[in-house]
Amino acid sequence: MNYTKRDNRRAAIVKMLADKYGVSTSYIYRVLKNGAASERILSDYMMALEGTNNLLEAVKKAVPFD
């Protein structure tokens, strides 16, 4: 069988957007998969993902993991 690993960061962003817009998480996943259903949700997802990526990079630079 082919298993995919859960992306916790993606799940957290999806949960945040579902709470923000008052929709289900499955609706947010459908929007992300199809792309055209709601441009506002898609753009908010991309901004949140970029923000978490920037935060993660800053933490990696600040904390030595060696």
PDB file of N, CA and C in Angstrom:
ATOM      1  N   MET A   1       0.824  -1.183   0.000  1.00  0.00           N
ATOM      2  CA  MET A   1       0.000   0.000   0.000  1.00  0.00           C
ATOM      3  C   MET A   1       0.865   1.242   0.000  1.00  0.00           C
ATOM      4  N   ASN A   2       0.286   2.302  -0.514  1.00  0.00           N
ATOM      5  CA  ASN A   2       0.995   3.568  -0.585  1.00  0.00           C
ATOM      6  C   ASN A   2       0.426   4.526   0.464  1.00  0.00           C
ATOM      7  N   TYR A   3       1.216   4.838   1.467  1.00  0.00           N
ATOM      8  CA  TYR A   3       0.781   5.741   2.520  1.00  0.00           C
ATOM      9  C   TYR A   3       1.479   7.078   2.348  1.00  0.00           C
ATOM     10  N   THR A   4       0.737   8.144   2.583  1.00  0.00           N
ATOM     11  CA  THR A   4       1.344   9.466   2.574  1.00  0.00           C
ATOM     12  C   THR A   4       1.378   9.986   4.005  1.00  0.00           C
ATOM     13  N   LYS A   5       2.439  10.678   4.328  1.00  0.00           N
ATOM     14  CA  LYS A   5       2.606  11.199   5.673  1.00  0.00           C
ATOM     15  C   LYS A   5       1.753  12.455   5.850  1.00  0.00           C
ATOM     16  N   ARG A   6       1.138  12.581   7.003  1.00  0.00           N
ATOM     17  CA  ARG A   6       0.300  13.745   7.309  1.00  0.00           C
ATOM     18  C   ARG A   6       1.176  14.984   7.430  1.00  0.00           C
ATOM     19  N   ASP A   7       0.751  16.052   6.798  1.00  0.00           N
ATOM     20  CA  ASP A   7       1.446  17.331   6.884  1.00  0.00           C
ATOM     21  C   ASP A   7       0.764  18.166   7.969  1.00  0.00           C
ATOM     22  N   ASN A   8       1.362  18.217   9.141  1.00  0.00           N
ATOM     23  CA  ASN A   8       0.756  18.911  10.278  1.00  0.00           C
ATOM     24  C   ASN A   8       0.603  20.407  10.038  1.00  0.00           C
ATOM     25  N   ARG A   9       1.563  21.000   9.342  1.00  0.00           N
ATOM     26  CA  ARG A   9       1.485  22.433   9.060  1.00  0.00           C
ATOM     27  C   ARG A   9       0.290  22.739   8.161  1.00  0.00           C
ATOM     28  N   ARG A  10       0.096  21.920   7.135  1.00  0.00           N
ATOM     29  CA  ARG A  10      -1.039  22.101   6.225  1.00  0.00           C
ATOM     30  C   ARG A  10      -2.358  21.911   6.974  1.00  0.00           C
ATOM     31  N   ALA A  11      -2.417  20.896   7.828  1.00  0.00           N
ATOM     32  CA  ALA A  11      -3.638  20.635   8.592  1.00  0.00           C
ATOM     33  C   ALA A  11      -3.967  21.799   9.523  1.00  0.00           C
ATOM     34  N   ALA A  12      -2.963  22.399  10.134  1.00  0.00           N
ATOM     35  CA  ALA A  12      -3.196  23.530  11.033  1.00  0.00           C
ATOM     36  C   ALA A  12      -3.705  24.747  10.270  1.00  0.00           C
ATOM     37  N   ILE A  13      -3.137  24.991   9.097  1.00  0.00           N
ATOM     38  CA  ILE A  13      -3.587  26.121   8.279  1.00  0.00           C
ATOM     39  C   ILE A  13      -5.011  25.889   7.797  1.00  0.00           C
ATOM     40  N   VAL A  14      -5.317  24.664   7.378  1.00  0.00           N
ATOM     41  CA  VAL A  14      -6.671  24.336   6.922  1.00  0.00           C
ATOM     42  C   VAL A  14      -7.669  24.532   8.056  1.00  0.00           C
ATOM     43  N   LYS A  15      -7.327  24.093   9.256  1.00  0.00           N
ATOM     44  CA  LYS A  15      -8.212  24.259  10.416  1.00  0.00           C
ATOM     45  C   LYS A  15      -8.436  25.736  10.715  1.00  0.00           C
ATOM     46  N   MET A  16      -7.362  26.528  10.649  1.00  0.00           N
ATOM     47  CA  MET A  16      -7.467  27.958  10.899  1.00  0.00           C
ATOM     48  C   MET A  16      -8.396  28.623   9.877  1.00  0.00           C
ATOM     49  N   LEU A  17      -8.247  28.273   8.601  1.00  0.00           N
ATOM     50  CA  LEU A  17      -9.086  28.859   7.553  1.00  0.00           C
ATOM     51  C   LEU A  17     -10.538  28.410   7.681  1.00  0.00           C
ATOM     52  N   ALA A  18     -10.756  27.160   8.044  1.00  0.00           N
ATOM     53  CA  ALA A  18     -12.124  26.664   8.223  1.00  0.00           C
ATOM     54  C   ALA A  18     -12.815  27.427   9.349  1.00  0.00           C
ATOM     55  N   ASP A  19     -12.098  27.680  10.433  1.00  0.00           N
ATOM     56  CA  ASP A  19     -12.664  28.457  11.535  1.00  0.00           C
ATOM     57  C   ASP A  19     -12.923  29.903  11.112  1.00  0.00           C
ATOM     58  N   LYS A  20     -12.006  30.466  10.345  1.00  0.00           N
ATOM     59  CA  LYS A  20     -12.130  31.857   9.907  1.00  0.00           C
ATOM     60  C   LYS A  20     -13.343  32.063   9.006  1.00  0.00           C
ATOM     61  N   TYR A  21     -13.555  31.146   8.065  1.00  0.00           N
ATOM     62  CA  TYR A  21     -14.636  31.299   7.091  1.00  0.00           C
ATOM     63  C   TYR A  21     -15.918  30.574   7.488  1.00  0.00           C
ATOM     64  N   GLY A  22     -15.897  29.819   8.570  1.00  0.00           N
ATOM     65  CA  GLY A  22     -17.093  29.121   9.030  1.00  0.00           C
ATOM     66  C   GLY A  22     -17.520  27.985   8.123  1.00  0.00           C
ATOM     67  N   VAL A  23     -16.541  27.299   7.553  1.00  0.00           N
ATOM     68  CA  VAL A  23     -16.818  26.152   6.684  1.00  0.00           C
ATOM     69  C   VAL A  23     -16.092  24.936   7.244  1.00  0.00           C
ATOM     70  N   SER A  24     -16.331  23.780   6.645  1.00  0.00           N
ATOM     71  CA  SER A  24     -15.681  22.555   7.117  1.00  0.00           C
ATOM     72  C   SER A  24     -14.260  22.458   6.563  1.00  0.00           C
ATOM     73  N   THR A  25     -13.452  21.650   7.228  1.00  0.00           N
ATOM     74  CA  THR A  25     -12.091  21.437   6.735  1.00  0.00           C
ATOM     75  C   THR A  25     -12.106  20.710   5.401  1.00  0.00           C
ATOM     76  N   SER A  26     -13.083  19.837   5.194  1.00  0.00           N
ATOM     77  CA  SER A  26     -13.152  19.131   3.910  1.00  0.00           C
ATOM     78  C   SER A  26     -13.429  20.106   2.771  1.00  0.00           C
ATOM     79  N   TYR A  27     -14.205  21.160   3.030  1.00  0.00           N
ATOM     80  CA  TYR A  27     -14.446  22.179   2.002  1.00  0.00           C
ATOM     81  C   TYR A  27     -13.142  22.898   1.658  1.00  0.00           C
ATOM     82  N   ILE A  28     -12.352  23.224   2.673  1.00  0.00           N
ATOM     83  CA  ILE A  28     -11.069  23.896   2.435  1.00  0.00           C
ATOM     84  C   ILE A  28     -10.157  22.994   1.613  1.00  0.00           C
ATOM     85  N   TYR A  29     -10.099  21.696   1.945  1.00  0.00           N
ATOM     86  CA  TYR A  29      -9.279  20.769   1.161  1.00  0.00           C
ATOM     87  C   TYR A  29      -9.763  20.693  -0.285  1.00  0.00           C
ATOM     88  N   ARG A  30     -11.096  20.730  -0.501  1.00  0.00           N
ATOM     89  CA  ARG A  30     -11.632  20.719  -1.867  1.00  0.00           C
ATOM     90  C   ARG A  30     -11.230  21.974  -2.628  1.00  0.00           C
ATOM     91  N   VAL A  31     -11.269  23.119  -1.959  1.00  0.00           N
ATOM     92  CA  VAL A  31     -10.849  24.368  -2.598  1.00  0.00           C
ATOM     93  C   VAL A  31      -9.379  24.286  -2.983  1.00  0.00           C
ATOM     94  N   LEU A  32      -8.545  23.756  -2.096  1.00  0.00           N
ATOM     95  CA  LEU A  32      -7.118  23.644  -2.387  1.00  0.00           C
ATOM     96  C   LEU A  32      -6.856  22.680  -3.537  1.00  0.00           C
ATOM     97  N   LYS A  33      -7.655  21.635  -3.629  1.00  0.00           N
ATOM     98  CA  LYS A  33      -7.464  20.655  -4.697  1.00  0.00           C
ATOM     99  C   LYS A  33      -7.913  21.205  -6.051  1.00  0.00           C
ATOM    100  N   ASN A  34      -9.069  21.886  -6.076  1.00  0.00           N
ATOM    101  CA  ASN A  34      -9.621  22.387  -7.335  1.00  0.00           C
ATOM    102  C   ASN A  34      -9.141  23.787  -7.670  1.00  0.00           C
ATOM    103  N   GLY A  35      -8.913  24.611  -6.675  1.00  0.00           N
ATOM    104  CA  GLY A  35      -8.321  25.921  -6.886  1.00  0.00           C
ATOM    105  C   GLY A  35      -9.264  27.042  -7.268  1.00  0.00           C
ATOM    106  N   ALA A  36     -10.265  26.782  -8.058  1.00  0.00           N
ATOM    107  CA  ALA A  36     -11.074  27.870  -8.597  1.00  0.00           C
ATOM    108  C   ALA A  36     -12.325  28.174  -7.781  1.00  0.00           C
ATOM    109  N   ALA A  37     -12.672  27.364  -6.808  1.00  0.00           N
ATOM    110  CA  ALA A  37     -13.933  27.537  -6.078  1.00  0.00           C
ATOM    111  C   ALA A  37     -13.948  28.835  -5.271  1.00  0.00           C
ATOM    112  N   SER A  38     -12.864  29.174  -4.634  1.00  0.00           N
ATOM    113  CA  SER A  38     -12.809  30.391  -3.824  1.00  0.00           C
ATOM    114  C   SER A  38     -11.391  30.950  -3.854  1.00  0.00           C
ATOM    115  N   GLU A  39     -11.216  31.995  -4.627  1.00  0.00           N
ATOM    116  CA  GLU A  39      -9.898  32.624  -4.733  1.00  0.00           C
ATOM    117  C   GLU A  39      -9.450  33.216  -3.396  1.00  0.00           C
ATOM    118  N   ARG A  40     -10.404  33.703  -2.615  1.00  0.00           N
ATOM    119  CA  ARG A  40     -10.068  34.321  -1.332  1.00  0.00           C
ATOM    120  C   ARG A  40      -9.466  33.300  -0.373  1.00  0.00           C
ATOM    121  N   ILE A  41     -10.065  32.120  -0.306  1.00  0.00           N
ATOM    122  CA  ILE A  41      -9.542  31.067   0.569  1.00  0.00           C
ATOM    123  C   ILE A  41      -8.179  30.609   0.075  1.00  0.00           C
ATOM    124  N   LEU A  42      -8.041  30.454  -1.224  1.00  0.00           N
ATOM    125  CA  LEU A  42      -6.771  30.011  -1.797  1.00  0.00           C
ATOM    126  C   LEU A  42      -5.662  31.027  -1.532  1.00  0.00           C
ATOM    127  N   SER A  43      -5.962  32.307  -1.697  1.00  0.00           N
ATOM    128  CA  SER A  43      -4.930  33.322  -1.453  1.00  0.00           C
ATOM    129  C   SER A  43      -4.577  33.406   0.030  1.00  0.00           C
ATOM    130  N   ASP A  44      -5.574  33.266   0.915  1.00  0.00           N
ATOM    131  CA  ASP A  44      -5.285  33.253   2.354  1.00  0.00           C
ATOM    132  C   ASP A  44      -4.422  32.054   2.732  1.00  0.00           C
ATOM    133  N   TYR A  45      -4.681  30.908   2.119  1.00  0.00           N
ATOM    134  CA  TYR A  45      -3.873  29.713   2.386  1.00  0.00           C
ATOM    135  C   TYR A  45      -2.421  29.951   1.969  1.00  0.00           C
ATOM    136  N   MET A  46      -2.238  30.521   0.788  1.00  0.00           N
ATOM    137  CA  MET A  46      -0.876  30.753   0.298  1.00  0.00           C
ATOM    138  C   MET A  46      -0.134  31.751   1.194  1.00  0.00           C
ATOM    139  N   MET A  47      -0.821  32.794   1.658  1.00  0.00           N
ATOM    140  CA  MET A  47      -0.182  33.766   2.553  1.00  0.00           C
ATOM    141  C   MET A  47       0.175  33.124   3.889  1.00  0.00           C
ATOM    142  N   ALA A  48      -0.704  32.295   4.430  1.00  0.00           N
ATOM    143  CA  ALA A  48      -0.425  31.623   5.704  1.00  0.00           C
ATOM    144  C   ALA A  48       0.731  30.641   5.558  1.00  0.00           C
ATOM    145  N   LEU A  49       0.762  29.922   4.448  1.00  0.00           N
ATOM    146  CA  LEU A  49       1.846  28.971   4.209  1.00  0.00           C
ATOM    147  C   LEU A  49       3.180  29.696   4.073  1.00  0.00           C
ATOM    148  N   GLU A  50       3.184  30.808   3.358  1.00  0.00           N
ATOM    149  CA  GLU A  50       4.407  31.593   3.207  1.00  0.00           C
ATOM    150  C   GLU A  50       4.866  32.142   4.556  1.00  0.00           C
ATOM    151  N   GLY A  51       3.920  32.583   5.368  1.00  0.00           N
ATOM    152  CA  GLY A  51       4.259  33.099   6.699  1.00  0.00           C
ATOM    153  C   GLY A  51       4.869  32.038   7.591  1.00  0.00           C
ATOM    154  N   THR A  52       4.316  30.824   7.550  1.00  0.00           N
ATOM    155  CA  THR A  52       4.882  29.757   8.380  1.00  0.00           C
ATOM    156  C   THR A  52       6.237  29.322   7.854  1.00  0.00           C
ATOM    157  N   ASN A  53       6.415  29.364   6.535  1.00  0.00           N
ATOM    158  CA  ASN A  53       7.722  29.017   5.972  1.00  0.00           C
ATOM    159  C   ASN A  53       8.774  30.030   6.406  1.00  0.00           C
ATOM    160  N   ASN A  54       8.424  31.320   6.382  1.00  0.00           N
ATOM    161  CA  ASN A  54       9.360  32.359   6.820  1.00  0.00           C
ATOM    162  C   ASN A  54       9.688  32.216   8.300  1.00  0.00           C
ATOM    163  N   LEU A  55       8.686  31.914   9.103  1.00  0.00           N
ATOM    164  CA  LEU A  55       8.905  31.720  10.537  1.00  0.00           C
ATOM    165  C   LEU A  55       9.807  30.520  10.792  1.00  0.00           C
ATOM    166  N   LEU A  56       9.581  29.438  10.078  1.00  0.00           N
ATOM    167  CA  LEU A  56      10.395  28.239  10.231  1.00  0.00           C
ATOM    168  C   LEU A  56      11.849  28.506   9.852  1.00  0.00           C
ATOM    169  N   GLU A  57      12.067  29.249   8.780  1.00  0.00           N
ATOM    170  CA  GLU A  57      13.433  29.591   8.369  1.00  0.00           C
ATOM    171  C   GLU A  57      14.119  30.462   9.425  1.00  0.00           C
ATOM    172  N   ALA A  58      13.393  31.407  10.005  1.00  0.00           N
ATOM    173  CA  ALA A  58      13.969  32.269  11.037  1.00  0.00           C
ATOM    174  C   ALA A  58      14.362  31.459  12.267  1.00  0.00           C
ATOM    175  N   VAL A  59      13.537  30.504  12.643  1.00  0.00           N
ATOM    176  CA  VAL A  59      13.854  29.652  13.796  1.00  0.00           C
ATOM    177  C   VAL A  59      15.069  28.792  13.496  1.00  0.00           C
ATOM    178  N   LYS A  60      15.143  28.253  12.283  1.00  0.00           N
ATOM    179  CA  LYS A  60      16.296  27.423  11.913  1.00  0.00           C
ATOM    180  C   LYS A  60      17.591  28.217  11.955  1.00  0.00           C
ATOM    181  N   LYS A  61      17.539  29.493  11.578  1.00  0.00           N
ATOM    182  CA  LYS A  61      18.732  30.332  11.618  1.00  0.00           C
ATOM    183  C   LYS A  61      19.100  30.712  13.049  1.00  0.00           C
ATOM    184  N   ALA A  62      18.090  30.911  13.900  1.00  0.00           N
ATOM    185  CA  ALA A  62      18.338  31.372  15.263  1.00  0.00           C
ATOM    186  C   ALA A  62      18.796  30.254  16.197  1.00  0.00           C
ATOM    187  N   VAL A  63      18.295  29.035  15.972  1.00  0.00           N
ATOM    188  CA  VAL A  63      18.596  27.921  16.871  1.00  0.00           C
ATOM    189  C   VAL A  63      19.498  26.924  16.155  1.00  0.00           C
ATOM    190  N   PRO A  64      20.713  26.723  16.652  1.00  0.00           N
ATOM    191  CA  PRO A  64      21.596  25.744  16.009  1.00  0.00           C
ATOM    192  C   PRO A  64      21.157  24.311  16.344  1.00  0.00           C
ATOM    193  N   PHE A  65      20.924  23.520  15.332  1.00  0.00           N
ATOM    194  CA  PHE A  65      20.499  22.134  15.529  1.00  0.00           C
ATOM    195  C   PHE A  65      21.650  21.149  15.368  1.00  0.00           C
ATOM    196  N   ASP A  66      22.867  21.638  15.363  1.00  0.00           N
ATOM    197  CA  ASP A  66      24.030  20.762  15.155  1.00  0.00           C
ATOM    198  C   ASP A  66      24.342  19.947  16.365  1.00  0.00           C
TER     199      ASP A  66
END
